[in-house]
Amino acid sequence: MKTVLVISDTHGRKENLDALSRLMEESDYIVHLGDGRADMREIEEKYPEKTYVLKGNCDLCGGLREAEIEIEGVKIFACHGDLYRVKSETYTLLREAKERGADVALYGHTHNAEITESDGVTLVCPGTMKFPLYRGGTYAYLVITGTKYVATIVGEEG
């Protein structure tokens, strides 16, 4: 079994990540989907082998805009989402994920936590950690066992 902590859109609120420090340590992978890339510097340094930090539209520093990750045979496409117009629709993201052979597409940008299934692909948006957890802040957690996976949203929308 492998676990993936998925965070997005911290927007400079690094202190809100502190609530997740134990979970970061316990997780097999940590993925930050952008708009808060600088917030993750210490975490990247502490866990370089298991951390993926992508660049969002509000990030000034460099970095990857997308990543393809394979965990126990589950193919994951990760991006911030702005390049795929996720605020207005997710079809473009779905099409890209399918072209890449992804089972799961992780995206941020909207600040709205949601998990949907479409055409064999699970789309996961963790929401935002701009707000403290349980006061509007949310994240996603992915548990992968073999080629099966379960995604959940933790926290509450505010």
N, C-alpha and C. Protein backbone atom coordinates (compact mmCIF):
# COMPACT_ATOMS: atom_id res chain seq x y z
N MET A 1 0.84 -1.18 0.00
CA MET A 1 0.00 0.00 0.00
C MET A 1 0.89 1.25 0.00
N LYS A 2 0.51 2.22 -0.81
CA LYS A 2 1.21 3.51 -0.88
C LYS A 2 0.20 4.63 -0.66
N THR A 3 0.67 5.70 -0.02
CA THR A 3 -0.21 6.83 0.25
C THR A 3 0.35 8.10 -0.38
N VAL A 4 -0.57 8.94 -0.85
CA VAL A 4 -0.19 10.19 -1.51
C VAL A 4 -0.98 11.33 -0.88
N LEU A 5 -0.28 12.29 -0.32
CA LEU A 5 -0.89 13.51 0.20
C LEU A 5 -0.88 14.53 -0.93
N VAL A 6 -2.05 15.10 -1.25
CA VAL A 6 -2.17 16.04 -2.36
C VAL A 6 -2.65 17.38 -1.82
N ILE A 7 -1.84 18.41 -2.05
CA ILE A 7 -2.10 19.76 -1.55
C ILE A 7 -2.06 20.71 -2.74
N SER A 8 -2.78 21.82 -2.63
CA SER A 8 -2.70 22.84 -3.67
C SER A 8 -3.05 24.21 -3.11
N ASP A 9 -2.63 25.21 -3.81
CA ASP A 9 -3.08 26.59 -3.58
C ASP A 9 -2.93 27.04 -2.13
N THR A 10 -1.70 26.99 -1.62
CA THR A 10 -1.43 27.49 -0.27
C THR A 10 -1.24 29.00 -0.27
N HIS A 11 -0.87 29.57 -1.38
CA HIS A 11 -0.79 31.03 -1.57
C HIS A 11 -0.07 31.75 -0.43
N GLY A 12 1.11 31.25 -0.06
CA GLY A 12 1.91 31.94 0.94
C GLY A 12 1.55 31.64 2.38
N ARG A 13 0.56 30.82 2.60
CA ARG A 13 0.12 30.50 3.96
C ARG A 13 0.82 29.23 4.44
N LYS A 14 2.13 29.31 4.50
CA LYS A 14 2.95 28.16 4.89
C LYS A 14 2.56 27.61 6.26
N GLU A 15 2.11 28.47 7.15
CA GLU A 15 1.74 28.02 8.49
C GLU A 15 0.59 27.01 8.47
N ASN A 16 -0.24 27.06 7.44
CA ASN A 16 -1.35 26.10 7.35
C ASN A 16 -0.85 24.69 7.01
N LEU A 17 0.34 24.61 6.46
CA LEU A 17 0.93 23.30 6.17
C LEU A 17 1.40 22.60 7.44
N ASP A 18 1.65 23.38 8.49
CA ASP A 18 2.12 22.79 9.75
C ASP A 18 1.16 21.74 10.28
N ALA A 19 -0.13 21.95 10.06
CA ALA A 19 -1.13 20.98 10.53
C ALA A 19 -0.96 19.62 9.85
N LEU A 20 -0.25 19.60 8.73
CA LEU A 20 -0.07 18.37 7.97
C LEU A 20 1.31 17.76 8.14
N SER A 21 2.13 18.30 9.03
CA SER A 21 3.52 17.85 9.13
C SER A 21 3.64 16.36 9.45
N ARG A 22 2.82 15.87 10.35
CA ARG A 22 2.88 14.43 10.68
C ARG A 22 2.44 13.58 9.48
N LEU A 23 1.38 14.03 8.82
CA LEU A 23 0.88 13.30 7.65
C LEU A 23 1.92 13.32 6.52
N MET A 24 2.62 14.43 6.37
CA MET A 24 3.68 14.50 5.36
C MET A 24 4.77 13.48 5.65
N GLU A 25 5.13 13.36 6.91
CA GLU A 25 6.16 12.41 7.30
C GLU A 25 5.71 10.97 7.03
N GLU A 26 4.44 10.68 7.31
CA GLU A 26 3.93 9.32 7.17
C GLU A 26 3.58 8.94 5.73
N SER A 27 3.30 9.92 4.88
CA SER A 27 2.89 9.64 3.50
C SER A 27 4.07 9.16 2.67
N ASP A 28 3.78 8.28 1.71
CA ASP A 28 4.82 7.81 0.80
C ASP A 28 5.19 8.86 -0.24
N TYR A 29 4.21 9.69 -0.61
CA TYR A 29 4.43 10.76 -1.59
C TYR A 29 3.68 12.00 -1.14
N ILE A 30 4.23 13.16 -1.52
CA ILE A 30 3.59 14.45 -1.28
C ILE A 30 3.56 15.18 -2.62
N VAL A 31 2.39 15.64 -3.02
CA VAL A 31 2.26 16.38 -4.28
C VAL A 31 1.61 17.73 -3.98
N HIS A 32 2.30 18.81 -4.34
CA HIS A 32 1.73 20.16 -4.25
C HIS A 32 1.49 20.61 -5.68
N LEU A 33 0.27 21.00 -5.98
CA LEU A 33 -0.14 21.27 -7.36
C LEU A 33 0.02 22.72 -7.79
N GLY A 34 0.73 23.51 -7.01
CA GLY A 34 1.04 24.87 -7.44
C GLY A 34 0.30 25.95 -6.69
N ASP A 35 0.71 27.19 -6.96
CA ASP A 35 0.27 28.39 -6.25
C ASP A 35 0.61 28.27 -4.77
N GLY A 36 1.90 28.27 -4.55
CA GLY A 36 2.46 28.12 -3.21
C GLY A 36 3.74 27.32 -3.26
N ARG A 37 4.36 27.32 -4.43
CA ARG A 37 5.59 26.55 -4.61
C ARG A 37 6.64 26.92 -3.57
N ALA A 38 6.80 28.21 -3.29
CA ALA A 38 7.79 28.66 -2.31
C ALA A 38 7.47 28.15 -0.90
N ASP A 39 6.19 27.93 -0.62
CA ASP A 39 5.78 27.43 0.70
C ASP A 39 6.33 26.03 0.97
N MET A 40 6.71 25.33 -0.07
CA MET A 40 7.11 23.93 0.04
C MET A 40 8.63 23.73 0.06
N ARG A 41 9.41 24.80 0.05
CA ARG A 41 10.87 24.66 -0.03
C ARG A 41 11.43 23.76 1.06
N GLU A 42 11.07 24.02 2.31
CA GLU A 42 11.59 23.21 3.42
C GLU A 42 11.15 21.76 3.31
N ILE A 43 9.93 21.55 2.87
CA ILE A 43 9.41 20.19 2.74
C ILE A 43 10.14 19.45 1.62
N GLU A 44 10.39 20.15 0.50
CA GLU A 44 11.17 19.55 -0.60
C GLU A 44 12.57 19.16 -0.13
N GLU A 45 13.17 20.01 0.69
CA GLU A 45 14.52 19.72 1.19
C GLU A 45 14.50 18.56 2.18
N LYS A 46 13.45 18.47 2.99
CA LYS A 46 13.35 17.42 4.00
C LYS A 46 13.02 16.07 3.37
N TYR A 47 12.14 16.07 2.35
CA TYR A 47 11.68 14.83 1.71
C TYR A 47 11.87 14.88 0.19
N PRO A 48 13.09 15.05 -0.30
CA PRO A 48 13.27 15.23 -1.74
C PRO A 48 12.87 14.02 -2.57
N GLU A 49 13.01 12.83 -2.02
CA GLU A 49 12.74 11.61 -2.78
C GLU A 49 11.25 11.33 -2.96
N LYS A 50 10.41 11.99 -2.20
CA LYS A 50 8.98 11.67 -2.29
C LYS A 50 8.09 12.89 -2.55
N THR A 51 8.70 14.03 -2.86
CA THR A 51 7.93 15.26 -3.01
C THR A 51 7.94 15.75 -4.45
N TYR A 52 6.76 16.07 -4.95
CA TYR A 52 6.58 16.69 -6.27
C TYR A 52 5.91 18.03 -6.04
N VAL A 53 6.56 19.11 -6.46
CA VAL A 53 5.99 20.45 -6.29
C VAL A 53 5.91 21.09 -7.66
N LEU A 54 4.70 21.39 -8.09
CA LEU A 54 4.48 21.96 -9.41
C LEU A 54 4.30 23.47 -9.34
N LYS A 55 4.45 24.11 -10.47
CA LYS A 55 4.30 25.55 -10.57
C LYS A 55 2.87 25.88 -10.98
N GLY A 56 2.27 26.83 -10.26
CA GLY A 56 0.94 27.32 -10.61
C GLY A 56 1.03 28.68 -11.28
N ASN A 57 -0.09 29.21 -11.68
CA ASN A 57 -0.11 30.48 -12.38
C ASN A 57 0.31 31.67 -11.51
N CYS A 58 0.25 31.54 -10.19
CA CYS A 58 0.67 32.62 -9.28
C CYS A 58 2.09 32.45 -8.76
N ASP A 59 2.76 31.39 -9.14
CA ASP A 59 4.13 31.15 -8.68
C ASP A 59 5.12 31.89 -9.57
N LEU A 60 5.98 32.68 -8.94
CA LEU A 60 6.98 33.44 -9.69
C LEU A 60 8.24 32.63 -9.94
N CYS A 61 8.55 31.71 -9.04
CA CYS A 61 9.75 30.89 -9.19
C CYS A 61 9.51 29.80 -10.23
N GLY A 62 10.58 29.27 -10.76
CA GLY A 62 10.49 28.25 -11.79
C GLY A 62 9.99 26.92 -11.25
N GLY A 63 9.86 25.99 -12.15
CA GLY A 63 9.43 24.66 -11.76
C GLY A 63 8.61 24.00 -12.85
N LEU A 64 8.35 22.74 -12.65
CA LEU A 64 7.56 21.98 -13.61
C LEU A 64 6.10 22.39 -13.54
N ARG A 65 5.46 22.46 -14.69
CA ARG A 65 4.02 22.76 -14.74
C ARG A 65 3.19 21.48 -14.63
N GLU A 66 3.79 20.35 -14.98
CA GLU A 66 3.07 19.07 -14.99
C GLU A 66 4.02 17.96 -14.57
N ALA A 67 3.43 16.86 -14.12
CA ALA A 67 4.24 15.68 -13.79
C ALA A 67 3.42 14.43 -14.08
N GLU A 68 4.12 13.39 -14.49
CA GLU A 68 3.52 12.07 -14.63
C GLU A 68 4.19 11.18 -13.60
N ILE A 69 3.38 10.57 -12.75
CA ILE A 69 3.89 9.76 -11.65
C ILE A 69 3.23 8.39 -11.76
N GLU A 70 4.01 7.34 -11.62
CA GLU A 70 3.44 5.99 -11.60
C GLU A 70 3.75 5.36 -10.25
N ILE A 71 2.70 4.93 -9.57
CA ILE A 71 2.84 4.32 -8.25
C ILE A 71 2.11 2.98 -8.26
N GLU A 72 2.86 1.91 -8.10
CA GLU A 72 2.30 0.55 -8.08
C GLU A 72 1.39 0.28 -9.28
N GLY A 73 1.78 0.79 -10.44
CA GLY A 73 1.01 0.55 -11.66
C GLY A 73 -0.11 1.54 -11.90
N VAL A 74 -0.39 2.43 -10.95
CA VAL A 74 -1.41 3.46 -11.13
C VAL A 74 -0.72 4.69 -11.72
N LYS A 75 -1.21 5.13 -12.88
CA LYS A 75 -0.62 6.27 -13.57
C LYS A 75 -1.36 7.55 -13.18
N ILE A 76 -0.58 8.53 -12.73
CA ILE A 76 -1.13 9.80 -12.25
C ILE A 76 -0.59 10.93 -13.11
N PHE A 77 -1.49 11.77 -13.59
CA PHE A 77 -1.12 13.00 -14.28
C PHE A 77 -1.43 14.14 -13.32
N ALA A 78 -0.44 14.97 -13.02
CA ALA A 78 -0.61 16.08 -12.07
C ALA A 78 -0.29 17.40 -12.75
N CYS A 79 -1.12 18.40 -12.48
CA CYS A 79 -0.91 19.74 -13.03
C CYS A 79 -1.61 20.75 -12.15
N HIS A 80 -1.32 22.03 -12.36
CA HIS A 80 -2.04 23.05 -11.60
C HIS A 80 -3.47 23.17 -12.12
N GLY A 81 -3.63 23.11 -13.41
CA GLY A 81 -4.96 23.10 -13.99
C GLY A 81 -5.32 24.33 -14.80
N ASP A 82 -4.63 25.43 -14.58
CA ASP A 82 -4.97 26.66 -15.30
C ASP A 82 -4.80 26.51 -16.81
N LEU A 83 -3.80 25.76 -17.23
CA LEU A 83 -3.57 25.57 -18.67
C LEU A 83 -4.65 24.72 -19.32
N TYR A 84 -5.45 24.05 -18.51
CA TYR A 84 -6.54 23.20 -19.01
C TYR A 84 -7.91 23.79 -18.71
N ARG A 85 -7.95 25.06 -18.32
CA ARG A 85 -9.21 25.80 -18.11
C ARG A 85 -10.14 25.14 -17.10
N VAL A 86 -9.60 24.58 -16.03
CA VAL A 86 -10.42 23.80 -15.09
C VAL A 86 -11.43 24.64 -14.32
N LYS A 87 -11.29 25.96 -14.34
CA LYS A 87 -12.30 26.79 -13.66
C LYS A 87 -13.62 26.80 -14.43
N SER A 88 -13.56 26.52 -15.73
CA SER A 88 -14.80 26.52 -16.51
C SER A 88 -15.25 25.13 -16.93
N GLU A 89 -14.30 24.19 -17.07
CA GLU A 89 -14.66 22.82 -17.46
C GLU A 89 -13.48 21.89 -17.21
N THR A 90 -13.75 20.60 -17.12
CA THR A 90 -12.66 19.64 -16.90
C THR A 90 -12.47 18.70 -18.09
N TYR A 91 -13.21 18.91 -19.17
CA TYR A 91 -13.09 18.03 -20.33
C TYR A 91 -11.68 18.08 -20.93
N THR A 92 -11.10 19.28 -21.02
CA THR A 92 -9.77 19.41 -21.61
C THR A 92 -8.74 18.66 -20.77
N LEU A 93 -8.84 18.77 -19.46
CA LEU A 93 -7.96 18.02 -18.56
C LEU A 93 -8.18 16.52 -18.71
N LEU A 94 -9.43 16.11 -18.77
CA LEU A 94 -9.75 14.69 -18.94
C LEU A 94 -9.14 14.15 -20.22
N ARG A 95 -9.28 14.89 -21.31
CA ARG A 95 -8.73 14.47 -22.60
C ARG A 95 -7.21 14.32 -22.51
N GLU A 96 -6.54 15.27 -21.87
CA GLU A 96 -5.08 15.20 -21.71
C GLU A 96 -4.68 14.00 -20.87
N ALA A 97 -5.40 13.77 -19.78
CA ALA A 97 -5.10 12.63 -18.91
C ALA A 97 -5.26 11.32 -19.67
N LYS A 98 -6.32 11.21 -20.47
CA LYS A 98 -6.55 9.99 -21.25
C LYS A 98 -5.44 9.80 -22.29
N GLU A 99 -5.02 10.88 -22.95
CA GLU A 99 -3.95 10.78 -23.94
C GLU A 99 -2.65 10.30 -23.30
N ARG A 100 -2.44 10.64 -22.05
CA ARG A 100 -1.23 10.23 -21.33
C ARG A 100 -1.39 8.86 -20.67
N GLY A 101 -2.57 8.26 -20.80
CA GLY A 101 -2.80 6.94 -20.21
C GLY A 101 -2.98 6.97 -18.70
N ALA A 102 -3.39 8.10 -18.17
CA ALA A 102 -3.51 8.25 -16.71
C ALA A 102 -4.79 7.62 -16.18
N ASP A 103 -4.67 7.05 -14.99
CA ASP A 103 -5.82 6.55 -14.25
C ASP A 103 -6.41 7.66 -13.38
N VAL A 104 -5.54 8.56 -12.92
CA VAL A 104 -5.92 9.64 -12.02
C VAL A 104 -5.33 10.94 -12.56
N ALA A 105 -6.12 12.02 -12.52
CA ALA A 105 -5.63 13.35 -12.84
C ALA A 105 -5.79 14.22 -11.61
N LEU A 106 -4.68 14.79 -11.14
CA LEU A 106 -4.69 15.69 -9.99
C LEU A 106 -4.58 17.12 -10.52
N TYR A 107 -5.42 18.01 -10.01
CA TYR A 107 -5.35 19.41 -10.44
C TYR A 107 -5.77 20.33 -9.30
N GLY A 108 -5.33 21.58 -9.39
CA GLY A 108 -5.68 22.60 -8.40
C GLY A 108 -6.38 23.75 -9.08
N HIS A 109 -6.01 24.98 -8.70
CA HIS A 109 -6.43 26.22 -9.35
C HIS A 109 -7.83 26.67 -8.97
N THR A 110 -8.79 25.79 -8.82
CA THR A 110 -10.17 26.21 -8.59
C THR A 110 -10.47 26.54 -7.13
N HIS A 111 -9.69 26.02 -6.22
CA HIS A 111 -9.89 26.14 -4.76
C HIS A 111 -11.11 25.36 -4.29
N ASN A 112 -11.76 24.63 -5.16
CA ASN A 112 -12.94 23.84 -4.81
C ASN A 112 -12.57 22.36 -4.78
N ALA A 113 -12.62 21.78 -3.60
CA ALA A 113 -12.28 20.36 -3.47
C ALA A 113 -13.35 19.49 -4.10
N GLU A 114 -12.93 18.55 -4.94
CA GLU A 114 -13.89 17.62 -5.53
C GLU A 114 -13.17 16.41 -6.10
N ILE A 115 -13.91 15.32 -6.15
CA ILE A 115 -13.46 14.09 -6.79
C ILE A 115 -14.56 13.66 -7.73
N THR A 116 -14.22 13.48 -9.00
CA THR A 116 -15.19 13.01 -9.97
C THR A 116 -14.57 11.89 -10.80
N GLU A 117 -15.42 11.06 -11.37
CA GLU A 117 -14.99 9.98 -12.26
C GLU A 117 -15.58 10.28 -13.63
N SER A 118 -14.77 10.15 -14.65
CA SER A 118 -15.26 10.37 -16.00
C SER A 118 -14.45 9.54 -16.98
N ASP A 119 -15.14 8.74 -17.75
CA ASP A 119 -14.52 7.98 -18.84
C ASP A 119 -13.29 7.19 -18.37
N GLY A 120 -13.39 6.59 -17.18
CA GLY A 120 -12.31 5.76 -16.68
C GLY A 120 -11.18 6.48 -15.97
N VAL A 121 -11.30 7.80 -15.81
CA VAL A 121 -10.27 8.60 -15.14
C VAL A 121 -10.89 9.24 -13.89
N THR A 122 -10.17 9.17 -12.79
CA THR A 122 -10.59 9.84 -11.56
C THR A 122 -9.92 11.21 -11.52
N LEU A 123 -10.74 12.26 -11.48
CA LEU A 123 -10.24 13.64 -11.40
C LEU A 123 -10.30 14.08 -9.95
N VAL A 124 -9.17 14.56 -9.42
CA VAL A 124 -9.09 14.93 -8.00
C VAL A 124 -8.56 16.35 -7.88
N CYS A 125 -9.36 17.22 -7.28
CA CYS A 125 -8.91 18.56 -6.92
C CYS A 125 -8.93 18.65 -5.40
N PRO A 126 -7.78 18.87 -4.76
CA PRO A 126 -7.73 18.89 -3.30
C PRO A 126 -8.30 20.15 -2.67
N GLY A 127 -8.66 21.14 -3.47
CA GLY A 127 -9.13 22.40 -2.91
C GLY A 127 -7.94 23.29 -2.58
N THR A 128 -8.01 23.98 -1.45
CA THR A 128 -6.96 24.92 -1.08
C THR A 128 -6.56 24.78 0.38
N MET A 129 -5.29 25.02 0.64
CA MET A 129 -4.81 25.13 2.03
C MET A 129 -4.49 26.60 2.32
N LYS A 130 -5.15 27.51 1.59
CA LYS A 130 -5.00 28.93 1.85
C LYS A 130 -5.59 29.27 3.22
N PHE A 131 -6.56 28.49 3.63
CA PHE A 131 -7.22 28.66 4.93
C PHE A 131 -6.77 27.53 5.85
N PRO A 132 -6.85 27.73 7.17
CA PRO A 132 -6.50 26.63 8.08
C PRO A 132 -7.41 25.42 7.87
N LEU A 133 -6.86 24.25 8.10
CA LEU A 133 -7.63 23.01 7.98
C LEU A 133 -8.83 23.08 8.92
N TYR A 134 -9.96 22.63 8.45
CA TYR A 134 -11.23 22.63 9.17
C TYR A 134 -11.80 24.04 9.37
N ARG A 135 -11.21 25.02 8.73
CA ARG A 135 -11.78 26.36 8.69
C ARG A 135 -11.79 26.81 7.23
N GLY A 136 -12.02 25.87 6.36
CA GLY A 136 -12.05 26.16 4.94
C GLY A 136 -10.94 25.47 4.16
N GLY A 137 -9.86 25.08 4.84
CA GLY A 137 -8.75 24.42 4.16
C GLY A 137 -9.04 22.95 3.90
N THR A 138 -8.63 22.46 2.74
CA THR A 138 -8.85 21.06 2.38
C THR A 138 -7.60 20.50 1.69
N TYR A 139 -7.50 19.19 1.72
CA TYR A 139 -6.46 18.48 0.98
C TYR A 139 -7.05 17.15 0.54
N ALA A 140 -6.34 16.46 -0.33
CA ALA A 140 -6.79 15.13 -0.78
C ALA A 140 -5.77 14.10 -0.32
N TYR A 141 -6.26 12.88 -0.17
CA TYR A 141 -5.41 11.77 0.26
C TYR A 141 -5.75 10.58 -0.64
N LEU A 142 -4.73 10.02 -1.23
CA LEU A 142 -4.90 8.91 -2.16
C LEU A 142 -4.23 7.68 -1.56
N VAL A 143 -4.96 6.58 -1.48
CA VAL A 143 -4.42 5.31 -0.99
C VAL A 143 -4.40 4.35 -2.17
N ILE A 144 -3.23 3.83 -2.49
CA ILE A 144 -3.05 2.94 -3.63
C ILE A 144 -2.65 1.57 -3.12
N THR A 145 -3.43 0.57 -3.50
CA THR A 145 -3.13 -0.82 -3.14
C THR A 145 -3.14 -1.62 -4.43
N GLY A 146 -1.96 -2.07 -4.84
CA GLY A 146 -1.89 -2.73 -6.14
C GLY A 146 -2.28 -1.74 -7.21
N THR A 147 -3.19 -2.13 -8.09
CA THR A 147 -3.65 -1.21 -9.12
C THR A 147 -4.97 -0.56 -8.76
N LYS A 148 -5.40 -0.72 -7.52
CA LYS A 148 -6.64 -0.09 -7.05
C LYS A 148 -6.29 1.12 -6.20
N TYR A 149 -7.17 2.10 -6.20
CA TYR A 149 -6.91 3.32 -5.45
C TYR A 149 -8.22 3.92 -4.95
N VAL A 150 -8.10 4.66 -3.86
CA VAL A 150 -9.24 5.38 -3.28
C VAL A 150 -8.77 6.79 -2.97
N ALA A 151 -9.51 7.78 -3.43
CA ALA A 151 -9.20 9.18 -3.16
C ALA A 151 -10.25 9.75 -2.21
N THR A 152 -9.80 10.54 -1.25
CA THR A 152 -10.72 11.21 -0.33
C THR A 152 -10.30 12.67 -0.16
N ILE A 153 -11.27 13.50 0.17
CA ILE A 153 -11.03 14.90 0.51
C ILE A 153 -11.12 15.01 2.03
N VAL A 154 -10.18 15.71 2.62
CA VAL A 154 -10.16 15.90 4.07
C VAL A 154 -10.25 17.39 4.36
N GLY A 155 -11.04 17.76 5.36
CA GLY A 155 -11.26 19.16 5.71
C GLY A 155 -12.66 19.55 5.30
N GLU A 156 -12.92 20.82 5.32
CA GLU A 156 -14.25 21.28 4.93
C GLU A 156 -14.11 22.56 4.14
N GLU A 157 -15.00 22.73 3.22
CA GLU A 157 -15.00 23.95 2.42
C GLU A 157 -15.59 25.07 3.26
N GLY A 158 -15.03 26.25 3.15
CA GLY A 158 -15.53 27.38 3.94
C GLY A 158 -15.83 28.56 3.08
